[in-house]
Amino acid sequence: MRHSILFLSALAAASAASAQSSVTLYGVVDASVSSYHATGAPSRTQVLAGGNQSSRLGFRGREDLGDGAYASFELEAGLFNDTGTTLATNTNNQPSGASAGGFSFARKSFVALGSKRLGELRLGRDYTPGFWNLFAYDAFRTGVGLGGITTQGSTSTVFRASNSMGYFTPGCSAFVCPGFFGQVAYALGENAPGAANSKDGRYVGGRLGYGGGKWDVAVSHGVTKNAAADGYTQTSVGGSYNFDVAKVMLLWGQHKTGLPVAALGGGNKAPFWQVSAWVPVGAGYIPVAFTRMTRNDALGSSASKFAVGYVHNLSKRTAVYTTYARIKNNGSLQLPVNSGADAGPIPIRGGTSSGIDIGIRHAF
């Protein structure tokens, strides 16, 4: 009897504790059949992951600490469900820290303390303020599928930063928040002290904005230390307005290095702008976008990209979709229509590239 009473007491205590905290398993599985064409290159047809939303698997937990305070964590892995592999991570925000090893929580892995009055502090690997501006004001959500925005110049911190310390103002934890909002982040490259590149991988960035119901606007700026390129700067300004018949988004940005970079044709600036929209149609919507990017290399290179699609919701969790995109390069540019590992065939310099996909997305 005594052991039974102790067991029931322990169970009651555990139940009381669990009532104040929670852990959630979530994710997205997205796959498409994609066909690519490019000037001067063989056509290619592939089964790809993440044509509409990036596939992922995550765990999210939160514990209420009382008086509006809480502790939380998030662990999120990127998935390539076409092959069963996972997204690579980076340990020091530099090329030397790139890793394509086994399973990793490369998308997000942080622990946080927050309150309704003071905001939220995060420690770990997280999205940078600059990424959220690109994500918020691109109808195809930056870096996802054929429609993703076209940019030039890259560093490990364009999307995420490891070894970071981040802060969100009260009531805000992602990309669009009500009223005035802000985010700041500081990340360490963690190189050996005293070396010429000891500060490489160090990131400092911030984002300020206002969400006003039908409209919102935000500006972001971030700098990543890099001795070889004399630093990498990412700046953007964006806004959106919901006209009911369509939500229209505008975005301007610039990626810049302090010194010319051979991989960028000897240029160091790549400004871009985009006009995009979501148009509701029945049980789905039409995303459409036009992007123009230039580069200050010797040939004054540029690229223009048009993308249009349709997403049809079969339920709250499941959707089918299709996207068509075409990019026209000029000068020394030869950008493919997609990006990353699934970029598709590379066109000749000044050539065109196009693609179409049909896919299924399921969220849980």
Protein backbone atom coordinates (compact mmCIF):
# COMPACT_ATOMS: atom_id res chain seq x y z
CA MET A 1 0.00 0.00 0.00
CA ARG A 2 2.82 2.38 0.94
CA HIS A 3 4.49 1.86 -2.44
CA SER A 4 1.16 2.44 -4.21
CA ILE A 5 0.63 5.71 -2.37
CA LEU A 6 4.17 6.86 -3.26
CA PHE A 7 3.60 5.93 -6.90
CA LEU A 8 0.29 7.79 -7.06
CA SER A 9 1.87 10.82 -5.37
CA ALA A 10 4.68 10.84 -7.93
CA LEU A 11 2.17 10.47 -10.78
CA ALA A 12 0.12 13.36 -9.45
CA ALA A 13 3.24 15.53 -9.20
CA ALA A 14 4.22 14.62 -12.76
CA SER A 15 0.74 15.45 -14.01
CA ALA A 16 0.85 18.83 -12.27
CA ALA A 17 4.21 19.59 -13.87
CA SER A 18 3.10 18.49 -17.32
CA ALA A 19 0.06 20.74 -17.10
CA GLN A 20 2.45 23.71 -17.02
CA SER A 21 4.65 22.59 -19.91
CA SER A 22 4.31 21.03 -23.35
CA VAL A 23 6.37 19.47 -26.12
CA THR A 24 5.10 19.39 -29.70
CA LEU A 25 6.26 17.31 -32.64
CA TYR A 26 5.66 19.03 -36.00
CA GLY A 27 6.83 18.96 -39.58
CA VAL A 28 6.27 19.32 -43.31
CA VAL A 29 6.80 16.70 -46.01
CA ASP A 30 6.83 18.23 -49.50
CA ALA A 31 7.84 16.62 -52.79
CA SER A 32 7.49 17.54 -56.45
CA VAL A 33 8.34 16.35 -59.94
CA SER A 34 10.37 19.15 -61.54
CA SER A 35 11.53 19.64 -65.12
CA TYR A 36 14.34 22.11 -65.95
CA HIS A 37 15.65 23.59 -69.20
CA ALA A 38 18.64 25.90 -69.74
CA THR A 39 20.42 27.44 -72.71
CA GLY A 40 23.39 25.32 -73.73
CA ALA A 41 22.75 22.56 -71.17
CA PRO A 42 20.86 19.23 -71.21
CA SER A 43 17.32 19.26 -69.83
CA ARG A 44 16.72 17.57 -66.49
CA THR A 45 13.72 16.00 -64.72
CA GLN A 46 13.94 15.30 -61.00
CA VAL A 47 11.90 14.37 -57.94
CA LEU A 48 12.70 17.11 -55.41
CA ALA A 49 11.84 17.98 -51.83
CA GLY A 50 10.44 21.35 -50.76
CA GLY A 51 8.84 22.71 -53.92
CA ASN A 52 6.25 24.75 -51.98
CA GLN A 53 7.51 24.62 -48.38
CA SER A 54 10.81 23.32 -47.09
CA SER A 55 10.43 19.81 -45.68
CA ARG A 56 11.30 19.64 -41.98
CA LEU A 57 10.94 17.76 -38.71
CA GLY A 58 10.87 19.66 -35.45
CA PHE A 59 10.32 19.58 -31.71
CA ARG A 60 9.02 22.61 -29.83
CA GLY A 61 8.69 22.86 -26.06
CA ARG A 62 7.50 25.50 -23.61
CA GLU A 63 7.16 25.77 -19.84
CA ASP A 64 5.22 28.54 -18.10
CA LEU A 65 7.26 30.03 -15.23
CA GLY A 66 4.53 32.26 -13.85
CA ASP A 67 3.77 35.99 -14.07
CA GLY A 68 3.90 35.88 -17.89
CA ALA A 69 7.42 34.38 -18.00
CA TYR A 70 8.33 31.18 -19.83
CA ALA A 71 11.19 28.96 -20.97
CA SER A 72 11.16 27.30 -24.39
CA PHE A 73 13.24 25.44 -26.94
CA GLU A 74 13.04 24.51 -30.60
CA LEU A 75 14.93 21.85 -32.54
CA GLU A 76 14.23 21.73 -36.28
CA ALA A 77 15.89 19.57 -38.93
CA GLY A 78 15.68 20.19 -42.66
CA LEU A 79 14.71 17.14 -44.72
CA PHE A 80 15.28 16.08 -48.31
CA ASN A 81 12.56 13.47 -48.42
CA ASP A 82 13.34 12.66 -52.06
CA THR A 83 16.54 10.96 -50.85
CA GLY A 84 16.07 10.60 -47.09
CA THR A 85 18.97 12.93 -46.28
CA THR A 86 19.01 16.04 -44.08
CA LEU A 87 20.00 19.68 -44.43
CA ALA A 88 23.67 20.51 -43.85
CA THR A 89 24.66 22.84 -41.01
CA ASN A 90 27.58 25.15 -40.28
CA THR A 91 29.49 25.28 -37.02
CA ASN A 92 31.26 28.64 -37.30
CA ASN A 93 29.40 30.72 -39.94
CA GLN A 94 32.31 30.23 -42.37
CA PRO A 95 33.11 27.86 -45.26
CA SER A 96 35.42 25.89 -42.96
CA GLY A 97 32.47 25.04 -40.71
CA ALA A 98 30.21 23.64 -43.41
CA SER A 99 29.00 20.15 -42.60
CA ALA A 100 27.04 17.63 -44.63
CA GLY A 101 27.13 14.90 -42.04
CA GLY A 102 24.31 12.86 -40.55
CA PHE A 103 21.08 14.00 -38.97
CA SER A 104 21.30 17.53 -37.57
CA PHE A 105 18.95 20.25 -36.37
CA ALA A 106 20.38 22.62 -38.97
CA ARG A 107 17.31 24.80 -39.42
CA LYS A 108 16.92 25.83 -35.77
CA SER A 109 18.31 24.68 -32.44
CA PHE A 110 17.92 27.16 -29.59
CA VAL A 111 16.78 27.55 -26.02
CA ALA A 112 14.94 30.69 -24.88
CA LEU A 113 13.71 32.69 -21.91
CA GLY A 114 10.93 35.23 -22.38
CA SER A 115 8.07 37.18 -20.92
CA LYS A 116 5.08 39.13 -22.19
CA ARG A 117 6.60 42.36 -20.86
CA LEU A 118 10.30 41.96 -21.66
CA GLY A 119 10.43 39.97 -24.89
CA GLU A 120 12.42 36.84 -25.69
CA LEU A 121 16.13 35.97 -25.51
CA ARG A 122 17.42 33.02 -27.58
CA LEU A 123 20.73 31.15 -27.50
CA GLY A 124 21.80 28.72 -30.24
CA ARG A 125 21.36 28.41 -34.01
CA ASP A 126 18.56 30.55 -35.42
CA TYR A 127 17.38 32.56 -38.42
CA THR A 128 19.05 35.94 -38.89
CA PRO A 129 17.08 39.22 -38.95
CA GLY A 130 18.04 39.68 -42.60
CA PHE A 131 16.47 36.36 -43.58
CA TRP A 132 13.11 37.27 -42.07
CA ASN A 133 12.81 40.32 -44.33
CA LEU A 134 13.47 38.25 -47.45
CA PHE A 135 11.03 35.61 -46.26
CA ALA A 136 8.24 38.02 -45.29
CA TYR A 137 8.09 39.94 -48.57
CA ASP A 138 8.60 37.22 -51.18
CA ALA A 139 5.40 35.48 -52.34
CA PHE A 140 7.34 32.24 -52.84
CA ARG A 141 9.14 32.45 -49.48
CA THR A 142 12.85 32.88 -50.09
CA GLY A 143 14.83 29.85 -51.16
CA VAL A 144 11.80 27.57 -51.60
CA GLY A 145 11.32 25.84 -54.94
CA LEU A 146 11.36 27.40 -58.38
CA GLY A 147 9.80 30.69 -57.33
CA GLY A 148 12.36 31.75 -54.71
CA ILE A 149 13.88 35.21 -54.98
CA THR A 150 17.07 35.63 -57.03
CA THR A 151 20.01 37.15 -55.13
CA GLN A 152 23.77 37.32 -55.66
CA GLY A 153 26.56 37.00 -53.17
CA SER A 154 26.31 34.59 -50.30
CA THR A 155 27.66 33.86 -46.87
CA SER A 156 26.77 31.27 -44.26
CA THR A 157 24.67 33.81 -42.35
CA VAL A 158 22.27 34.84 -45.15
CA PHE A 159 19.62 32.51 -43.67
CA ARG A 160 20.87 31.34 -40.28
CA ALA A 161 23.70 31.84 -37.80
CA SER A 162 25.25 29.38 -35.37
CA ASN A 163 26.55 30.36 -31.92
CA SER A 164 24.03 33.21 -31.83
CA MET A 165 22.42 35.35 -29.16
CA GLY A 166 19.12 36.85 -30.30
CA TYR A 167 16.39 39.07 -28.89
CA PHE A 168 12.80 39.70 -30.00
CA THR A 169 10.65 42.50 -28.65
CA PRO A 170 7.50 41.53 -26.66
CA GLY A 171 4.79 39.85 -28.72
CA CYS A 172 7.12 38.98 -31.60
CA SER A 173 8.97 35.78 -32.43
CA ALA A 174 9.07 35.53 -36.24
CA PHE A 175 8.64 37.77 -39.29
CA VAL A 176 5.39 39.79 -38.98
CA CYS A 177 4.23 41.04 -35.59
CA PRO A 178 1.51 43.49 -34.46
CA GLY A 179 2.55 47.08 -33.79
CA PHE A 180 6.18 48.16 -33.58
CA PHE A 181 8.57 45.21 -33.38
CA GLY A 182 12.28 44.52 -33.48
CA GLN A 183 14.90 41.77 -33.52
CA VAL A 184 18.65 41.88 -32.94
CA ALA A 185 21.21 39.08 -33.21
CA TYR A 186 24.90 38.63 -32.45
CA ALA A 187 26.74 35.46 -33.48
CA LEU A 188 30.29 34.25 -32.96
CA GLY A 189 32.60 32.59 -35.47
CA GLU A 190 34.60 31.16 -32.58
CA ASN A 191 37.98 31.23 -34.35
CA ALA A 192 41.27 31.01 -32.51
CA PRO A 193 42.23 34.44 -31.09
CA GLY A 194 45.18 36.34 -32.50
CA ALA A 195 44.87 35.09 -36.10
CA ALA A 196 44.27 37.45 -39.03
CA ASN A 197 40.83 35.91 -39.49
CA SER A 198 40.00 35.68 -35.78
CA LYS A 199 36.76 37.63 -36.29
CA ASP A 200 35.59 35.73 -39.38
CA GLY A 201 32.07 34.40 -38.98
CA ARG A 202 31.06 37.06 -36.45
CA TYR A 203 27.58 38.35 -37.32
CA VAL A 204 25.74 41.45 -36.07
CA GLY A 205 22.28 42.27 -37.40
CA GLY A 206 18.93 43.82 -36.62
CA ARG A 207 15.42 44.31 -37.94
CA LEU A 208 12.78 46.94 -37.18
CA GLY A 209 9.22 47.04 -38.43
CA TYR A 210 5.55 47.75 -37.89
CA GLY A 211 2.57 45.47 -38.40
CA GLY A 212 -0.71 47.30 -38.86
CA GLY A 213 -3.40 44.75 -39.69
CA LYS A 214 -3.72 44.89 -43.46
CA TRP A 215 -0.22 46.26 -43.96
CA ASP A 216 3.27 45.92 -42.57
CA VAL A 217 6.77 47.25 -43.28
CA ALA A 218 10.26 46.35 -42.07
CA VAL A 219 13.94 47.13 -42.65
CA SER A 220 16.92 44.90 -41.85
CA HIS A 221 20.70 45.22 -41.87
CA GLY A 222 23.40 42.72 -41.01
CA VAL A 223 27.19 42.42 -41.29
CA THR A 224 29.28 39.25 -41.25
CA LYS A 225 33.02 39.55 -40.68
CA ASN A 226 35.25 38.06 -43.38
CA ALA A 227 38.87 39.12 -43.73
CA ALA A 228 39.28 37.93 -47.34
CA ALA A 229 36.26 39.88 -48.63
CA ASP A 230 36.47 42.73 -46.09
CA GLY A 231 33.09 41.78 -44.67
CA TYR A 232 29.70 40.87 -46.08
CA THR A 233 26.72 43.24 -45.72
CA GLN A 234 23.06 42.33 -46.25
CA THR A 235 20.44 45.11 -46.32
CA SER A 236 16.76 45.02 -47.27
CA VAL A 237 13.52 47.00 -46.98
CA GLY A 238 10.10 45.47 -47.56
CA GLY A 239 6.40 46.00 -47.12
CA SER A 240 3.04 44.47 -47.93
CA TYR A 241 -0.61 45.50 -48.21
CA ASN A 242 -3.66 43.26 -48.29
CA PHE A 243 -6.18 44.57 -50.83
CA ASP A 244 -8.46 41.56 -50.13
CA VAL A 245 -8.44 40.63 -53.82
CA ALA A 246 -4.64 40.25 -53.53
CA LYS A 247 -1.85 40.73 -51.03
CA VAL A 248 0.92 42.73 -52.70
CA MET A 249 4.53 42.68 -51.47
CA LEU A 250 7.46 44.95 -52.36
CA LEU A 251 11.09 44.21 -51.55
CA TRP A 252 14.40 45.96 -52.19
CA GLY A 253 17.77 44.76 -51.00
CA GLN A 254 21.50 44.70 -51.57
CA HIS A 255 24.23 42.18 -50.85
CA LYS A 256 27.70 43.75 -50.72
CA THR A 257 31.29 42.86 -49.90
CA GLY A 258 34.01 45.35 -48.97
CA LEU A 259 36.33 44.04 -51.71
CA PRO A 260 35.67 42.71 -55.23
CA VAL A 261 35.08 38.95 -55.33
CA ALA A 262 36.29 36.78 -58.20
CA ALA A 263 33.25 34.49 -57.90
CA LEU A 264 31.06 37.56 -58.51
CA GLY A 265 32.86 38.52 -61.71
CA GLY A 266 35.04 41.02 -59.88
CA GLY A 267 32.01 42.90 -58.54
CA ASN A 268 31.16 43.67 -54.93
CA LYS A 269 27.53 44.90 -55.04
CA ALA A 270 24.36 43.11 -56.09
CA PRO A 271 21.20 45.19 -55.52
CA PHE A 272 17.83 43.59 -56.29
CA TRP A 273 14.13 44.39 -56.16
CA GLN A 274 10.99 42.32 -56.35
CA VAL A 275 7.24 42.83 -56.78
CA SER A 276 5.13 39.84 -55.79
CA ALA A 277 1.58 38.94 -54.74
CA TRP A 278 -0.78 36.28 -53.44
CA VAL A 279 -4.11 36.17 -55.27
CA PRO A 280 -6.84 34.10 -53.50
CA VAL A 281 -8.66 31.71 -55.85
CA GLY A 282 -11.30 29.31 -54.51
CA ALA A 283 -9.68 26.83 -52.11
CA GLY A 284 -6.18 28.07 -52.91
CA TYR A 285 -4.14 31.00 -54.15
CA ILE A 286 -1.88 32.11 -57.00
CA PRO A 287 1.62 33.31 -56.05
CA VAL A 288 3.30 35.51 -58.66
CA ALA A 289 6.60 37.42 -58.59
CA PHE A 290 8.99 39.42 -60.74
CA THR A 291 12.56 39.94 -59.56
CA ARG A 292 15.32 42.10 -61.04
CA MET A 293 18.93 41.78 -59.88
CA THR A 294 22.05 43.63 -61.08
CA ARG A 295 25.76 43.28 -60.35
CA ASN A 296 28.52 45.89 -60.63
CA ASP A 297 30.98 43.66 -62.47
CA ALA A 298 32.90 44.67 -65.61
CA LEU A 299 29.94 43.77 -67.86
CA GLY A 300 27.23 45.35 -65.72
CA SER A 301 25.53 41.96 -65.49
CA SER A 302 21.87 41.49 -64.56
CA ALA A 303 19.14 38.88 -64.31
CA SER A 304 15.33 39.03 -64.44
CA LYS A 305 13.09 36.29 -63.09
CA PHE A 306 9.35 35.70 -63.47
CA ALA A 307 7.50 33.06 -61.47
CA VAL A 308 3.83 32.09 -61.19
CA GLY A 309 2.11 29.16 -59.54
CA TYR A 310 -1.05 27.78 -58.01
CA VAL A 311 -1.54 26.18 -54.58
CA HIS A 312 -4.77 24.24 -53.99
CA ASN A 313 -5.64 23.27 -50.42
CA LEU A 314 -7.22 19.82 -50.16
CA SER A 315 -7.48 20.28 -46.39
CA LYS A 316 -5.92 22.33 -43.60
CA ARG A 317 -2.84 20.12 -43.77
CA THR A 318 -2.55 18.97 -47.37
CA ALA A 319 -2.11 20.89 -50.62
CA VAL A 320 -1.17 20.23 -54.24
CA TYR A 321 0.68 22.86 -56.25
CA THR A 322 2.41 23.78 -59.46
CA THR A 323 4.98 26.47 -60.30
CA TYR A 324 6.51 27.81 -63.49
CA ALA A 325 9.57 30.09 -63.47
CA ARG A 326 11.93 31.58 -66.05
CA ILE A 327 15.13 33.57 -65.53
CA LYS A 328 16.93 35.63 -68.18
CA ASN A 329 20.63 36.35 -67.58
CA ASN A 330 22.67 39.15 -69.11
CA GLY A 331 26.40 39.85 -69.17
CA SER A 332 28.49 37.32 -67.28
CA LEU A 333 25.62 35.89 -65.20
CA GLN A 334 24.48 32.31 -65.70
CA LEU A 335 22.03 31.76 -62.84
CA PRO A 336 19.89 28.62 -62.87
CA VAL A 337 16.15 28.93 -62.30
CA ASN A 338 16.32 27.24 -58.88
CA SER A 339 18.96 27.48 -56.14
CA GLY A 340 21.04 25.28 -53.88
CA ALA A 341 21.67 21.60 -54.47
CA ASP A 342 18.58 21.33 -56.70
CA ALA A 343 19.42 24.32 -58.89
CA GLY A 344 18.99 22.44 -62.14
CA PRO A 345 21.15 22.80 -65.26
CA ILE A 346 23.42 25.87 -65.48
CA PRO A 347 22.85 28.00 -68.62
CA ILE A 348 25.64 29.54 -70.65
CA ARG A 349 26.69 33.10 -69.76
CA GLY A 350 23.83 35.45 -70.61
CA GLY A 351 21.51 32.49 -71.24
CA THR A 352 18.03 31.62 -69.99
CA SER A 353 16.76 28.93 -67.66
CA SER A 354 13.22 27.75 -66.96
CA GLY A 355 11.40 25.10 -64.97
CA ILE A 356 8.02 23.71 -64.02
CA ASP A 357 7.02 21.53 -61.09
CA ILE A 358 3.96 19.67 -59.78
CA GLY A 359 3.95 18.61 -56.15
CA ILE A 360 2.23 17.60 -52.92
CA ARG A 361 2.71 19.14 -49.46
CA HIS A 362 1.52 17.69 -46.15
CA ALA A 363 2.00 19.36 -42.77
CA PHE A 364 1.61 17.73 -39.36
